[in-house]
């Protein structure tokens, strides 16, 4: 168990009831380092993904300020749709903010061979707008595939207290397979939703594409906040 007092990464949590299984950004055991969490009361998955984030902006700022005051030198969130408010969070908090896995897009796209593109897997293609994508720096025209209507989306967006993990895995694999079948030029997949991380291995195996997520993003982010120690300093 890591010492929470030493945490450099602070994570702003949505107000959720669904299980935070291992691999989920909201499970402290997911991380090989200490993290601190702050729950934003009332900011449910449905409110942030399907409705309007604006009424909650100041609550996110206040929770972030508490994390920074407690010693965190970088802030992250547990919802990819919060790319919309990253500029305001960074301005108010005065520290780096990694709000969405989608913010890796430009770097991943630049690594791909000519003729290939990134593809996005999202919990709600219906409500993931061009504004969300632009705010995260996602190139125009990138293929987006949602898990809309699946048991996974219903469990997370409905904030249900139980989660059928095998069904969720099947939902994600099915959506990823559709993404690469409909768009064979997709050379890498980004998981918009932070709750998709536990299924990244299955998605990579099913599609034979590299899979990036909030986990890959925050592992990189944290390495900058607290560089690894190698041997004697």
C-alpha atoms as a PDB file:
ATOM      1  CA  UNK A   1       0.000   0.000   0.000  1.00  0.00           C
ATOM      2  CA  UNK A   2       1.355   3.408  -0.962  1.00  0.00           C
ATOM      3  CA  UNK A   3       1.486   6.339   1.455  1.00  0.00           C
ATOM      4  CA  UNK A   4      -1.379   8.587   0.459  1.00  0.00           C
ATOM      5  CA  UNK A   5       0.352  11.561   2.069  1.00  0.00           C
ATOM      6  CA  UNK A   6       3.084  11.379  -0.583  1.00  0.00           C
ATOM      7  CA  UNK A   7       0.661  11.453  -3.517  1.00  0.00           C
ATOM      8  CA  UNK A   8       1.540  13.869  -6.312  1.00  0.00           C
ATOM      9  CA  UNK A   9      -1.434  12.925  -8.504  1.00  0.00           C
ATOM     10  CA  UNK A  10      -4.879  14.097  -7.457  1.00  0.00           C
ATOM     11  CA  UNK A  11      -7.909  12.610  -9.220  1.00  0.00           C
ATOM     12  CA  UNK A  12     -11.288  14.350  -9.392  1.00  0.00           C
ATOM     13  CA  UNK A  13     -13.966  11.664  -9.100  1.00  0.00           C
ATOM     14  CA  UNK A  14     -17.506  11.726 -10.428  1.00  0.00           C
ATOM     15  CA  UNK A  15     -20.235  10.996  -7.887  1.00  0.00           C
ATOM     16  CA  UNK A  16     -20.673   7.268  -8.604  1.00  0.00           C
ATOM     17  CA  UNK A  17     -22.111   4.049  -7.192  1.00  0.00           C
ATOM     18  CA  UNK A  18     -20.994   1.520  -9.828  1.00  0.00           C
ATOM     19  CA  UNK A  19     -18.168  -0.895  -8.908  1.00  0.00           C
ATOM     20  CA  UNK A  20     -14.654   0.460  -9.405  1.00  0.00           C
ATOM     21  CA  UNK A  21     -13.027  -2.815 -10.453  1.00  0.00           C
ATOM     22  CA  UNK A  22      -9.256  -3.259 -10.691  1.00  0.00           C
ATOM     23  CA  UNK A  23      -8.038  -1.264 -13.676  1.00  0.00           C
ATOM     24  CA  UNK A  24     -10.649   1.441 -13.200  1.00  0.00           C
ATOM     25  CA  UNK A  25      -9.098   4.879 -12.664  1.00  0.00           C
ATOM     26  CA  UNK A  26     -11.147   5.206  -9.472  1.00  0.00           C
ATOM     27  CA  UNK A  27      -9.654   2.119  -7.837  1.00  0.00           C
ATOM     28  CA  UNK A  28      -6.510   3.114  -5.882  1.00  0.00           C
ATOM     29  CA  UNK A  29      -5.061  -0.380  -6.363  1.00  0.00           C
ATOM     30  CA  UNK A  30      -4.982   0.253 -10.133  1.00  0.00           C
ATOM     31  CA  UNK A  31      -1.975   2.525  -9.671  1.00  0.00           C
ATOM     32  CA  UNK A  32       1.617   1.524  -8.810  1.00  0.00           C
ATOM     33  CA  UNK A  33       1.950   4.807  -6.900  1.00  0.00           C
ATOM     34  CA  UNK A  34      -0.059   6.779  -4.366  1.00  0.00           C
ATOM     35  CA  UNK A  35      -2.995   8.893  -5.542  1.00  0.00           C
ATOM     36  CA  UNK A  36      -5.515  11.124  -3.788  1.00  0.00           C
ATOM     37  CA  UNK A  37      -9.179  11.311  -4.705  1.00  0.00           C
ATOM     38  CA  UNK A  38     -11.809  14.019  -4.300  1.00  0.00           C
ATOM     39  CA  UNK A  39     -15.462  13.306  -5.145  1.00  0.00           C
ATOM     40  CA  UNK A  40     -17.433  16.084  -6.840  1.00  0.00           C
ATOM     41  CA  UNK A  41     -20.856  15.774  -5.226  1.00  0.00           C
ATOM     42  CA  UNK A  42     -23.764  15.578  -7.657  1.00  0.00           C
ATOM     43  CA  UNK A  43     -21.549  15.160 -10.723  1.00  0.00           C
ATOM     44  CA  UNK A  44     -23.011  11.813 -11.797  1.00  0.00           C
ATOM     45  CA  UNK A  45     -21.930  10.070 -15.008  1.00  0.00           C
ATOM     46  CA  UNK A  46     -25.248  10.918 -16.675  1.00  0.00           C
ATOM     47  CA  UNK A  47     -24.971  14.575 -15.693  1.00  0.00           C
ATOM     48  CA  UNK A  48     -21.478  14.942 -17.133  1.00  0.00           C
ATOM     49  CA  UNK A  49     -21.773  12.689 -20.206  1.00  0.00           C
ATOM     50  CA  UNK A  50     -25.379  13.282 -21.229  1.00  0.00           C
ATOM     51  CA  UNK A  51     -26.289  16.693 -19.802  1.00  0.00           C
ATOM     52  CA  UNK A  52     -24.398  19.946 -19.157  1.00  0.00           C
ATOM     53  CA  UNK A  53     -21.121  20.124 -17.259  1.00  0.00           C
ATOM     54  CA  UNK A  54     -21.359  23.885 -16.687  1.00  0.00           C
ATOM     55  CA  UNK A  55     -23.295  23.766 -13.385  1.00  0.00           C
ATOM     56  CA  UNK A  56     -20.491  21.638 -11.905  1.00  0.00           C
ATOM     57  CA  UNK A  57     -17.425  23.588 -13.034  1.00  0.00           C
ATOM     58  CA  UNK A  58     -16.949  25.482  -9.788  1.00  0.00           C
ATOM     59  CA  UNK A  59     -17.399  22.275  -7.782  1.00  0.00           C
ATOM     60  CA  UNK A  60     -14.631  20.641  -9.830  1.00  0.00           C
ATOM     61  CA  UNK A  61     -12.421  23.686  -9.226  1.00  0.00           C
ATOM     62  CA  UNK A  62     -13.091  23.638  -5.471  1.00  0.00           C
ATOM     63  CA  UNK A  63     -12.332  19.914  -5.210  1.00  0.00           C
ATOM     64  CA  UNK A  64      -9.178  20.397  -7.265  1.00  0.00           C
ATOM     65  CA  UNK A  65      -8.043  23.232  -5.016  1.00  0.00           C
ATOM     66  CA  UNK A  66      -8.364  20.914  -2.008  1.00  0.00           C
ATOM     67  CA  UNK A  67      -6.174  18.312  -3.726  1.00  0.00           C
ATOM     68  CA  UNK A  68      -3.536  20.898  -4.657  1.00  0.00           C
ATOM     69  CA  UNK A  69      -3.573  22.293  -1.104  1.00  0.00           C
ATOM     70  CA  UNK A  70      -2.959  18.760   0.204  1.00  0.00           C
ATOM     71  CA  UNK A  71       0.238  18.445  -1.860  1.00  0.00           C
ATOM     72  CA  UNK A  72      -0.859  17.216  -5.302  1.00  0.00           C
ATOM     73  CA  UNK A  73       1.169  18.771  -8.121  1.00  0.00           C
ATOM     74  CA  UNK A  74      -0.983  17.463 -10.984  1.00  0.00           C
ATOM     75  CA  UNK A  75      -4.713  16.848 -11.362  1.00  0.00           C
ATOM     76  CA  UNK A  76      -6.638  14.286 -13.410  1.00  0.00           C
ATOM     77  CA  UNK A  77     -10.308  13.361 -13.780  1.00  0.00           C
ATOM     78  CA  UNK A  78     -12.386  10.199 -14.110  1.00  0.00           C
ATOM     79  CA  UNK A  79     -14.352  11.175 -17.222  1.00  0.00           C
ATOM     80  CA  UNK A  80     -13.099  11.711 -20.765  1.00  0.00           C
ATOM     81  CA  UNK A  81     -15.887  14.214 -21.441  1.00  0.00           C
ATOM     82  CA  UNK A  82     -14.202  16.667 -19.040  1.00  0.00           C
ATOM     83  CA  UNK A  83     -11.777  17.708 -21.783  1.00  0.00           C
ATOM     84  CA  UNK A  84     -14.207  20.616 -22.179  1.00  0.00           C
ATOM     85  CA  UNK A  85     -13.202  22.168 -18.859  1.00  0.00           C
ATOM     86  CA  UNK A  86      -9.476  21.359 -18.764  1.00  0.00           C
ATOM     87  CA  UNK A  87      -8.405  24.919 -19.708  1.00  0.00           C
ATOM     88  CA  UNK A  88     -10.458  26.388 -16.874  1.00  0.00           C
ATOM     89  CA  UNK A  89      -9.265  23.797 -14.370  1.00  0.00           C
ATOM     90  CA  UNK A  90      -5.625  24.431 -15.249  1.00  0.00           C
ATOM     91  CA  UNK A  91      -6.120  28.200 -15.034  1.00  0.00           C
ATOM     92  CA  UNK A  92      -7.837  28.020 -11.648  1.00  0.00           C
ATOM     93  CA  UNK A  93      -5.635  25.342 -10.082  1.00  0.00           C
ATOM     94  CA  UNK A  94      -2.255  26.542 -11.309  1.00  0.00           C
ATOM     95  CA  UNK A  95      -0.937  23.007 -11.901  1.00  0.00           C
ATOM     96  CA  UNK A  96      -0.928  20.675 -14.930  1.00  0.00           C
ATOM     97  CA  UNK A  97      -4.286  19.005 -15.612  1.00  0.00           C
ATOM     98  CA  UNK A  98      -4.802  15.740 -17.528  1.00  0.00           C
ATOM     99  CA  UNK A  99      -8.558  15.674 -17.969  1.00  0.00           C
ATOM    100  CA  UNK A 100      -9.203  13.126 -20.725  1.00  0.00           C
ATOM    101  CA  UNK A 101      -7.554  10.144 -22.388  1.00  0.00           C
ATOM    102  CA  UNK A 102      -8.431  11.862 -25.675  1.00  0.00           C
ATOM    103  CA  UNK A 103      -5.697  14.416 -24.965  1.00  0.00           C
ATOM    104  CA  UNK A 104      -3.139  11.814 -26.116  1.00  0.00           C
ATOM    105  CA  UNK A 105      -4.573  11.957 -29.641  1.00  0.00           C
ATOM    106  CA  UNK A 106      -2.081  14.231 -31.371  1.00  0.00           C
ATOM    107  CA  UNK A 107       0.930  12.354 -29.999  1.00  0.00           C
ATOM    108  CA  UNK A 108      -0.456   8.939 -30.959  1.00  0.00           C
ATOM    109  CA  UNK A 109      -1.503  10.124 -34.415  1.00  0.00           C
ATOM    110  CA  UNK A 110       2.008  11.440 -35.045  1.00  0.00           C
ATOM    111  CA  UNK A 111       3.453   7.991 -34.280  1.00  0.00           C
ATOM    112  CA  UNK A 112       1.325   6.139 -36.817  1.00  0.00           C
ATOM    113  CA  UNK A 113       2.481   5.213 -40.324  1.00  0.00           C
ATOM    114  CA  UNK A 114       1.149   7.310 -43.236  1.00  0.00           C
ATOM    115  CA  UNK A 115      -2.390   6.360 -44.173  1.00  0.00           C
ATOM    116  CA  UNK A 116      -3.347   5.251 -40.667  1.00  0.00           C
ATOM    117  CA  UNK A 117      -5.503   7.090 -38.160  1.00  0.00           C
ATOM    118  CA  UNK A 118      -6.437   6.830 -34.522  1.00  0.00           C
ATOM    119  CA  UNK A 119      -9.939   5.618 -33.646  1.00  0.00           C
ATOM    120  CA  UNK A 120     -11.956   6.543 -30.569  1.00  0.00           C
ATOM    121  CA  UNK A 121     -14.062   4.182 -28.478  1.00  0.00           C
ATOM    122  CA  UNK A 122     -16.539   6.144 -26.332  1.00  0.00           C
ATOM    123  CA  UNK A 123     -19.265   5.339 -23.858  1.00  0.00           C
ATOM    124  CA  UNK A 124     -21.648   7.708 -25.677  1.00  0.00           C
ATOM    125  CA  UNK A 125     -21.107   8.557 -29.337  1.00  0.00           C
ATOM    126  CA  UNK A 126     -24.478  10.331 -29.211  1.00  0.00           C
ATOM    127  CA  UNK A 127     -23.198  13.018 -26.849  1.00  0.00           C
ATOM    128  CA  UNK A 128     -19.462  13.135 -27.657  1.00  0.00           C
ATOM    129  CA  UNK A 129     -19.508  16.388 -29.611  1.00  0.00           C
ATOM    130  CA  UNK A 130     -16.974  18.061 -31.925  1.00  0.00           C
ATOM    131  CA  UNK A 131     -16.407  20.502 -29.055  1.00  0.00           C
ATOM    132  CA  UNK A 132     -15.205  17.678 -26.776  1.00  0.00           C
ATOM    133  CA  UNK A 133     -12.891  16.365 -29.502  1.00  0.00           C
ATOM    134  CA  UNK A 134     -11.519  19.792 -30.429  1.00  0.00           C
ATOM    135  CA  UNK A 135     -10.857  20.655 -26.778  1.00  0.00           C
ATOM    136  CA  UNK A 136      -8.809  17.461 -26.460  1.00  0.00           C
ATOM    137  CA  UNK A 137      -6.859  18.106 -29.667  1.00  0.00           C
ATOM    138  CA  UNK A 138      -8.367  15.178 -31.570  1.00  0.00           C
ATOM    139  CA  UNK A 139      -7.761  15.605 -35.327  1.00  0.00           C
ATOM    140  CA  UNK A 140     -10.862  16.254 -37.432  1.00  0.00           C
ATOM    141  CA  UNK A 141     -12.494  13.265 -39.074  1.00  0.00           C
ATOM    142  CA  UNK A 142     -11.228  10.658 -36.605  1.00  0.00           C
ATOM    143  CA  UNK A 143     -13.558   7.619 -36.516  1.00  0.00           C
ATOM    144  CA  UNK A 144     -15.645   7.375 -33.338  1.00  0.00           C
ATOM    145  CA  UNK A 145     -17.464   4.241 -32.183  1.00  0.00           C
ATOM    146  CA  UNK A 146     -19.773   4.239 -29.164  1.00  0.00           C
ATOM    147  CA  UNK A 147     -21.024   1.538 -26.836  1.00  0.00           C
ATOM    148  CA  UNK A 148     -24.383   3.347 -26.702  1.00  0.00           C
ATOM    149  CA  UNK A 149     -27.206   1.151 -25.397  1.00  0.00           C
ATOM    150  CA  UNK A 150     -24.905  -1.657 -24.249  1.00  0.00           C
ATOM    151  CA  UNK A 151     -25.038  -3.210 -20.790  1.00  0.00           C
ATOM    152  CA  UNK A 152     -21.704  -1.483 -20.090  1.00  0.00           C
ATOM    153  CA  UNK A 153     -23.045   1.968 -20.951  1.00  0.00           C
ATOM    154  CA  UNK A 154     -26.264   1.355 -19.063  1.00  0.00           C
ATOM    155  CA  UNK A 155     -24.392   0.271 -15.926  1.00  0.00           C
ATOM    156  CA  UNK A 156     -21.995   3.221 -15.931  1.00  0.00           C
ATOM    157  CA  UNK A 157     -24.308   5.997 -17.120  1.00  0.00           C
ATOM    158  CA  UNK A 158     -27.146   4.609 -15.013  1.00  0.00           C
ATOM    159  CA  UNK A 159     -24.787   4.552 -12.009  1.00  0.00           C
ATOM    160  CA  UNK A 160     -25.922   1.030 -11.163  1.00  0.00           C
ATOM    161  CA  UNK A 161     -24.512  -0.674  -8.044  1.00  0.00           C
ATOM    162  CA  UNK A 162     -23.644  -3.858  -9.956  1.00  0.00           C
ATOM    163  CA  UNK A 163     -21.594  -4.471 -13.097  1.00  0.00           C
ATOM    164  CA  UNK A 164     -21.655  -7.578 -15.286  1.00  0.00           C
ATOM    165  CA  UNK A 165     -17.941  -7.671 -16.128  1.00  0.00           C
ATOM    166  CA  UNK A 166     -18.049 -10.464 -18.763  1.00  0.00           C
ATOM    167  CA  UNK A 167     -20.939  -8.697 -20.518  1.00  0.00           C
ATOM    168  CA  UNK A 168     -19.099  -5.375 -20.376  1.00  0.00           C
ATOM    169  CA  UNK A 169     -15.994  -7.005 -21.853  1.00  0.00           C
ATOM    170  CA  UNK A 170     -18.082  -8.462 -24.685  1.00  0.00           C
ATOM    171  CA  UNK A 171     -19.683  -5.058 -25.297  1.00  0.00           C
ATOM    172  CA  UNK A 172     -16.282  -3.352 -25.594  1.00  0.00           C
ATOM    173  CA  UNK A 173     -14.791  -6.041 -27.823  1.00  0.00           C
ATOM    174  CA  UNK A 174     -17.845  -5.909 -30.098  1.00  0.00           C
ATOM    175  CA  UNK A 175     -17.649  -2.124 -30.421  1.00  0.00           C
ATOM    176  CA  UNK A 176     -13.893  -2.183 -31.048  1.00  0.00           C
ATOM    177  CA  UNK A 177     -14.314  -4.863 -33.704  1.00  0.00           C
ATOM    178  CA  UNK A 178     -16.943  -2.704 -35.412  1.00  0.00           C
ATOM    179  CA  UNK A 179     -14.581   0.288 -35.273  1.00  0.00           C
ATOM    180  CA  UNK A 180     -11.710  -1.456 -37.053  1.00  0.00           C
ATOM    181  CA  UNK A 181     -13.981  -3.335 -39.473  1.00  0.00           C
ATOM    182  CA  UNK A 182     -15.746  -0.153 -40.578  1.00  0.00           C
ATOM    183  CA  UNK A 183     -12.452   1.760 -40.594  1.00  0.00           C
ATOM    184  CA  UNK A 184      -9.559  -0.562 -41.530  1.00  0.00           C
ATOM    185  CA  UNK A 185      -7.197   2.441 -41.539  1.00  0.00           C
ATOM    186  CA  UNK A 186      -7.492   2.712 -37.740  1.00  0.00           C
ATOM    187  CA  UNK A 187      -3.979   1.929 -36.519  1.00  0.00           C
ATOM    188  CA  UNK A 188      -4.480   2.639 -32.807  1.00  0.00           C
ATOM    189  CA  UNK A 189      -7.465   2.899 -30.474  1.00  0.00           C
ATOM    190  CA  UNK A 190      -8.047   5.439 -27.714  1.00  0.00           C
ATOM    191  CA  UNK A 191     -10.510   4.574 -24.947  1.00  0.00           C
ATOM    192  CA  UNK A 192     -12.340   7.804 -24.126  1.00  0.00           C
ATOM    193  CA  UNK A 193     -14.049   6.338 -21.067  1.00  0.00           C
ATOM    194  CA  UNK A 194     -11.935   5.828 -17.952  1.00  0.00           C
ATOM    195  CA  UNK A 195     -14.032   2.782 -16.995  1.00  0.00           C
ATOM    196  CA  UNK A 196     -12.931   0.930 -20.148  1.00  0.00           C
ATOM    197  CA  UNK A 197      -9.357   0.358 -18.943  1.00  0.00           C
ATOM    198  CA  UNK A 198     -10.006  -3.132 -17.450  1.00  0.00           C
ATOM    199  CA  UNK A 199     -10.974  -4.337 -20.933  1.00  0.00           C
ATOM    200  CA  UNK A 200      -7.979  -2.909 -22.833  1.00  0.00           C
ATOM    201  CA  UNK A 201      -6.223  -6.298 -23.000  1.00  0.00           C
ATOM    202  CA  UNK A 202      -9.282  -7.929 -24.578  1.00  0.00           C
ATOM    203  CA  UNK A 203      -9.705  -5.031 -27.024  1.00  0.00           C
ATOM    204  CA  UNK A 204      -6.056  -5.198 -28.094  1.00  0.00           C
ATOM    205  CA  UNK A 205      -6.265  -8.971 -28.573  1.00  0.00           C
ATOM    206  CA  UNK A 206      -9.473  -8.720 -30.605  1.00  0.00           C
ATOM    207  CA  UNK A 207      -8.318  -5.890 -32.881  1.00  0.00           C
ATOM    208  CA  UNK A 208      -4.552  -6.434 -33.033  1.00  0.00           C
ATOM    209  CA  UNK A 209      -4.134  -2.692 -32.511  1.00  0.00           C
ATOM    210  CA  UNK A 210      -2.361  -0.803 -29.732  1.00  0.00           C
ATOM    211  CA  UNK A 211      -4.825   0.530 -27.175  1.00  0.00           C
ATOM    212  CA  UNK A 212      -4.322   3.785 -25.276  1.00  0.00           C
ATOM    213  CA  UNK A 213      -6.381   4.918 -22.303  1.00  0.00           C
ATOM    214  CA  UNK A 214      -6.489   7.130 -19.226  1.00  0.00           C
ATOM    215  CA  UNK A 215      -4.139   4.551 -17.667  1.00  0.00           C
ATOM    216  CA  UNK A 216      -1.453   5.008 -20.315  1.00  0.00           C
ATOM    217  CA  UNK A 217      -1.949   8.794 -20.086  1.00  0.00           C
ATOM    218  CA  UNK A 218      -1.679   9.060 -16.305  1.00  0.00           C
ATOM    219  CA  UNK A 219       1.269   6.666 -16.077  1.00  0.00           C
ATOM    220  CA  UNK A 220       3.115   9.086 -18.394  1.00  0.00           C
ATOM    221  CA  UNK A 221       1.718  12.134 -16.572  1.00  0.00           C
ATOM    222  CA  UNK A 222       2.773  10.852 -13.147  1.00  0.00           C
ATOM    223  CA  UNK A 223       6.296  10.080 -14.359  1.00  0.00           C
ATOM    224  CA  UNK A 224       6.685  13.801 -14.966  1.00  0.00           C
ATOM    225  CA  UNK A 225       5.189  14.746 -11.590  1.00  0.00           C
ATOM    226  CA  UNK A 226       7.388  12.294  -9.685  1.00  0.00           C
ATOM    227  CA  UNK A 227      10.217  10.838 -11.807  1.00  0.00           C
ATOM    228  CA  UNK A 228      11.285   7.282 -11.058  1.00  0.00           C
ATOM    229  CA  UNK A 229      14.411   6.783  -8.974  1.00  0.00           C
ATOM    230  CA  UNK A 230      17.152   4.640 -10.558  1.00  0.00           C
ATOM    231  CA  UNK A 231      20.003   3.636  -8.288  1.00  0.00           C
ATOM    232  CA  UNK A 232      21.787   6.200  -6.144  1.00  0.00           C
ATOM    233  CA  UNK A 233      20.790   9.825  -6.858  1.00  0.00           C
END
